[in-house]
N, C-alpha and C. Protein backbone atom coordinates (compact mmCIF):
# COMPACT_ATOMS: atom_id res chain seq x y z
N MET A 1 -36.34 16.33 -34.91
CA MET A 1 -36.94 14.99 -35.72
C MET A 1 -37.41 15.37 -36.75
N GLN A 2 -38.53 16.11 -37.23
CA GLN A 2 -39.55 16.23 -38.38
C GLN A 2 -38.44 16.88 -39.37
N LEU A 3 -37.70 17.88 -38.93
CA LEU A 3 -36.68 18.86 -39.61
C LEU A 3 -35.63 18.05 -40.39
N SER A 4 -34.88 16.91 -39.37
CA SER A 4 -33.88 16.37 -39.84
C SER A 4 -34.21 15.11 -40.88
N GLU A 5 -35.96 14.42 -40.62
CA GLU A 5 -35.94 13.82 -41.73
C GLU A 5 -36.52 14.46 -43.22
N ALA A 6 -36.82 15.66 -42.84
CA ALA A 6 -37.41 16.60 -44.01
C ALA A 6 -35.84 16.82 -44.71
N HIS A 7 -35.09 16.83 -44.48
CA HIS A 7 -34.06 17.52 -44.51
C HIS A 7 -32.99 15.93 -45.62
N LEU A 8 -33.10 15.13 -44.62
CA LEU A 8 -33.12 13.20 -45.19
C LEU A 8 -33.69 13.53 -46.58
N THR A 9 -35.12 13.72 -46.35
CA THR A 9 -35.63 13.83 -47.60
C THR A 9 -35.76 13.85 -48.53
N ALA A 10 -35.17 15.33 -48.60
CA ALA A 10 -34.82 16.22 -49.71
C ALA A 10 -33.59 15.80 -50.11
N ALA A 11 -32.17 15.59 -49.41
CA ALA A 11 -31.18 15.07 -50.12
C ALA A 11 -31.94 13.65 -50.70
N ARG A 12 -32.19 13.09 -50.30
CA ARG A 12 -32.76 11.78 -51.20
C ARG A 12 -33.06 12.15 -52.82
N LYS A 13 -33.69 13.47 -52.65
CA LYS A 13 -34.75 13.65 -53.81
C LYS A 13 -33.67 14.01 -54.87
N GLN A 14 -32.51 14.98 -54.04
CA GLN A 14 -31.25 15.45 -54.47
C GLN A 14 -30.55 14.61 -55.52
N VAL A 15 -30.41 13.18 -54.51
CA VAL A 15 -29.41 12.10 -55.00
C VAL A 15 -30.35 11.46 -56.53
N ASP A 16 -31.94 11.42 -56.55
CA ASP A 16 -32.54 10.85 -57.62
C ASP A 16 -32.13 11.76 -58.75
N SER A 17 -32.21 13.33 -58.69
CA SER A 17 -32.31 13.65 -59.36
C SER A 17 -30.96 13.98 -60.11
N GLN A 18 -29.98 13.87 -59.20
CA GLN A 18 -28.61 13.68 -60.07
C GLN A 18 -28.71 12.67 -60.58
N ALA A 19 -28.75 11.71 -60.23
CA ALA A 19 -28.78 10.18 -60.82
C ALA A 19 -29.26 10.58 -62.40
N ALA A 20 -30.14 11.04 -62.42
CA ALA A 20 -31.15 11.00 -63.51
C ALA A 20 -30.53 11.51 -64.40
N SER A 21 -29.97 13.00 -64.02
CA SER A 21 -29.14 14.15 -64.96
C SER A 21 -27.79 13.38 -65.19
N PHE A 22 -27.53 12.42 -64.36
CA PHE A 22 -25.99 11.69 -64.98
C PHE A 22 -26.61 10.91 -66.04
N ALA A 23 -27.54 9.79 -65.63
CA ALA A 23 -27.80 8.97 -67.11
C ALA A 23 -28.22 9.83 -68.49
N ALA A 24 -28.42 10.37 -67.93
CA ALA A 24 -29.02 11.29 -69.40
C ALA A 24 -27.98 12.11 -70.03
N GLY A 25 -26.93 12.56 -68.99
CA GLY A 25 -25.68 13.10 -69.56
C GLY A 25 -25.73 14.57 -69.41
N ASN A 26 -26.48 15.42 -68.62
CA ASN A 26 -26.97 16.41 -68.50
C ASN A 26 -26.29 17.32 -67.45
N THR A 27 -25.77 16.17 -66.64
CA THR A 27 -24.62 16.70 -65.23
C THR A 27 -23.13 15.56 -65.24
N ASP A 28 -22.69 15.94 -64.38
CA ASP A 28 -21.35 15.37 -64.26
C ASP A 28 -21.39 13.96 -63.34
N ARG A 29 -20.55 13.42 -63.18
CA ARG A 29 -20.05 12.51 -62.19
C ARG A 29 -19.77 13.34 -60.67
N LEU A 30 -18.96 14.72 -60.76
CA LEU A 30 -18.83 15.32 -59.41
C LEU A 30 -20.20 15.58 -58.93
N ALA A 31 -20.72 16.24 -59.71
CA ALA A 31 -22.11 16.45 -58.66
C ALA A 31 -22.82 15.65 -58.52
N LEU A 32 -22.97 14.39 -59.46
CA LEU A 32 -23.73 13.29 -58.37
C LEU A 32 -23.09 12.79 -57.40
N THR A 33 -21.62 12.81 -57.15
CA THR A 33 -20.98 12.04 -56.12
C THR A 33 -21.25 13.31 -55.34
N GLN A 34 -21.05 14.81 -55.34
CA GLN A 34 -21.29 15.60 -54.18
C GLN A 34 -22.71 14.88 -53.69
N ALA A 35 -23.62 14.93 -53.98
CA ALA A 35 -25.08 14.83 -54.19
C ALA A 35 -25.26 13.79 -53.13
N ARG A 36 -24.87 12.60 -53.46
CA ARG A 36 -24.50 11.26 -52.66
C ARG A 36 -23.85 11.66 -51.09
N ALA A 37 -22.46 12.44 -51.21
CA ALA A 37 -21.94 13.00 -50.13
C ALA A 37 -22.93 13.61 -49.05
N ASP A 38 -23.82 14.57 -49.93
CA ASP A 38 -24.72 15.38 -49.16
C ASP A 38 -25.77 14.34 -48.61
N TYR A 39 -26.22 13.03 -49.09
CA TYR A 39 -27.29 12.50 -48.59
C TYR A 39 -26.48 11.77 -47.36
N GLN A 40 -25.28 11.28 -47.63
CA GLN A 40 -24.81 10.21 -46.54
C GLN A 40 -24.51 11.12 -45.34
N ALA A 41 -24.54 12.73 -45.56
CA ALA A 41 -24.08 13.43 -44.40
C ALA A 41 -25.37 13.89 -43.76
N SER A 42 -26.50 13.91 -44.20
CA SER A 42 -27.88 14.02 -43.75
C SER A 42 -27.99 12.70 -43.10
N GLY A 43 -27.88 11.60 -43.45
CA GLY A 43 -28.26 10.44 -42.77
C GLY A 43 -27.60 10.33 -41.73
N ILE A 44 -26.26 11.00 -41.66
CA ILE A 44 -25.55 10.93 -40.04
C ILE A 44 -25.82 11.90 -39.30
N ALA A 45 -26.52 13.35 -39.85
CA ALA A 45 -26.94 14.13 -38.85
C ALA A 45 -28.51 13.59 -38.33
N HIS A 46 -29.21 13.02 -39.16
CA HIS A 46 -30.44 12.20 -38.89
C HIS A 46 -30.42 11.41 -37.47
N LEU A 47 -29.21 10.57 -37.61
CA LEU A 47 -28.98 9.09 -36.67
C LEU A 47 -28.80 9.91 -35.66
N ASP A 48 -27.53 11.43 -35.51
CA ASP A 48 -27.48 11.97 -34.38
C ASP A 48 -28.44 12.87 -33.69
N ALA A 49 -29.26 13.48 -34.89
CA ALA A 49 -30.71 13.90 -33.80
C ALA A 49 -31.33 12.96 -32.96
N LEU A 50 -31.27 11.61 -33.90
CA LEU A 50 -31.93 10.30 -33.06
C LEU A 50 -31.40 10.14 -31.70
N VAL A 51 -30.28 9.89 -31.83
CA VAL A 51 -29.43 9.71 -30.53
C VAL A 51 -29.31 10.55 -29.61
N ALA A 52 -29.69 12.01 -30.00
CA ALA A 52 -29.71 13.20 -28.75
C ALA A 52 -31.35 13.05 -28.38
N ALA A 53 -32.10 12.74 -28.85
CA ALA A 53 -33.29 12.63 -28.77
C ALA A 53 -34.12 11.65 -27.82
N HIS A 54 -33.03 10.48 -27.78
CA HIS A 54 -33.58 9.62 -26.95
C HIS A 54 -32.26 9.80 -25.59
N GLN A 55 -31.22 10.22 -25.57
CA GLN A 55 -30.27 10.72 -24.35
C GLN A 55 -31.31 11.73 -23.74
N ALA A 56 -31.96 12.33 -24.70
CA ALA A 56 -32.91 13.81 -23.84
C ALA A 56 -33.74 12.83 -22.89
N ALA A 57 -34.61 12.10 -23.74
CA ALA A 57 -35.49 11.30 -23.11
C ALA A 57 -34.95 10.72 -21.46
N GLY A 58 -33.29 10.04 -21.83
CA GLY A 58 -33.60 9.15 -20.87
C GLY A 58 -32.99 10.04 -19.52
N ALA A 59 -32.33 11.02 -20.01
CA ALA A 59 -31.97 12.45 -18.69
C ALA A 59 -33.22 12.80 -18.27
N LEU A 60 -34.22 12.94 -18.72
CA LEU A 60 -35.44 13.30 -18.37
C LEU A 60 -36.19 12.31 -17.62
N GLU A 61 -36.08 10.90 -17.75
CA GLU A 61 -36.84 9.79 -17.32
C GLU A 61 -35.72 9.66 -15.90
N ASP A 62 -34.14 10.34 -16.02
CA ASP A 62 -33.56 10.12 -14.60
C ASP A 62 -33.79 11.10 -13.60
N ALA A 63 -34.49 12.60 -14.16
CA ALA A 63 -34.87 13.48 -13.66
C ALA A 63 -36.00 13.50 -12.49
N ILE A 64 -36.74 12.80 -13.45
CA ILE A 64 -38.58 12.81 -12.90
C ILE A 64 -38.12 11.11 -11.62
N GLN A 65 -37.32 10.31 -11.97
CA GLN A 65 -37.10 9.12 -11.88
C GLN A 65 -38.64 8.25 -11.83
N ARG A 66 -38.83 8.31 -12.74
CA ARG A 66 -39.91 7.49 -13.60
C ARG A 66 -39.83 7.28 -14.97
N PRO A 67 -40.41 6.02 -15.74
CA PRO A 67 -40.32 6.33 -17.54
C PRO A 67 -41.38 6.77 -17.71
N LEU A 68 -40.91 7.70 -18.94
CA LEU A 68 -42.08 8.59 -19.31
C LEU A 68 -42.92 7.35 -20.30
N ILE A 69 -42.69 6.25 -20.58
CA ILE A 69 -43.85 5.14 -20.91
C ILE A 69 -44.75 4.62 -19.91
N PRO A 70 -45.79 4.85 -19.49
CA PRO A 70 -45.80 3.94 -17.81
C PRO A 70 -46.04 2.49 -18.77
N ASP A 71 -45.56 1.45 -17.32
CA ASP A 71 -45.32 0.12 -17.58
C ASP A 71 -46.99 -0.41 -17.89
N VAL A 72 -46.73 -1.13 -18.51
CA VAL A 72 -47.83 -1.93 -19.32
C VAL A 72 -48.63 -3.07 -18.45
N ALA A 73 -47.80 -3.47 -17.30
CA ALA A 73 -47.97 -4.21 -16.62
C ALA A 73 -48.29 -4.21 -15.32
N ASN A 74 -48.58 -2.87 -15.37
CA ASN A 74 -48.96 -2.12 -13.80
C ASN A 74 -49.92 -0.90 -14.80
N THR A 75 -50.62 -0.82 -14.98
CA THR A 75 -51.63 0.40 -15.20
C THR A 75 -52.20 1.21 -14.65
N THR A 76 -52.20 0.37 -13.64
CA THR A 76 -53.22 1.01 -12.23
C THR A 76 -52.27 2.71 -11.71
N VAL A 77 -52.56 3.65 -11.56
CA VAL A 77 -52.13 4.78 -11.18
C VAL A 77 -52.84 5.28 -9.68
N THR A 78 -51.76 5.78 -8.82
CA THR A 78 -52.76 6.24 -7.64
C THR A 78 -52.80 7.23 -7.83
N GLU A 79 -53.76 7.84 -6.99
CA GLU A 79 -53.54 9.67 -6.60
C GLU A 79 -52.33 10.02 -6.30
N GLN A 80 -51.55 9.50 -5.59
CA GLN A 80 -50.27 9.94 -4.81
C GLN A 80 -49.23 9.84 -6.49
N GLU A 81 -49.39 9.11 -7.28
CA GLU A 81 -48.16 8.83 -8.08
C GLU A 81 -48.70 9.80 -9.15
N ILE A 82 -50.03 10.49 -9.04
CA ILE A 82 -50.59 11.54 -9.86
C ILE A 82 -50.23 12.78 -9.52
N ARG A 83 -50.11 12.83 -8.41
CA ARG A 83 -49.84 14.14 -7.82
C ARG A 83 -48.12 14.67 -7.94
N ARG A 84 -47.66 13.39 -7.95
CA ARG A 84 -45.62 13.70 -8.15
C ARG A 84 -45.55 14.50 -9.23
């Protein structure tokens, strides 16, 4: 997830840089549009990574047959539950 977030941040910086260059007349519309497309692709990749992480957590919960985050209402854990 951190890598995905870093890539998204870098793509956002690239869009900002290309937008500033375009406003100053130093780059063309194609470069700006490509930077925006790259940013959107990074956003989709980030969401895909987030979904994959949630699916993996769900699969792990299914495998161990208990939630990864303990139930707040039932905070007492018995010795038997710890040994599982």
